[in-house]
Amino acid sequence: MTDNLETHTDTGEREIARVRGVAARKSHSIRFSDAEWLAIQERAEENDMMPGEYVRHAALSLGAGAVGAVPAELSPALVRLIGQTFRAAYFISTVKHNEMLRDGRGAEIDDTIKQGRLAQAEIMKGG
């Protein structure tokens, strides 16, 4: 990290980078009715964001002409779940791969891999 960045973990276990110095964020006052603030808090929670972070993203997206949903970042819990899922899928596919090789089904494995790569290439080019 640069000298202007520091990180810490908030109570939601998200690592947050804070910028010090010239580029540091500063507090600015903005007023909301109680109903508006409640709606902001609810939308922020749905997007796994803090209310201020949600307001900042929404305002900057609107200013850039990108009206719509605020993109949510993946929570640490979801990142861990994705990692565990991939490890389990890798384990299961390795066991099955070995079984198929033992049973003389190598050509079927090769065809499955080929089809997967073709599908991946199609997705990567936007299809």
Foldseek 3Di string as FASTA:
>chain_A
DDPQWDWDADPLRDIDIAGDDPPGDDDDDDDDDPVRQVVLCVLQVVLVHHSVVSVVQQVVCVVVVNHDRRHHDDRPVNVVVVVVVVVVVVVVVVVVVVVCVVVVNVVVVVVVVVVVVVVVVVVVVPD
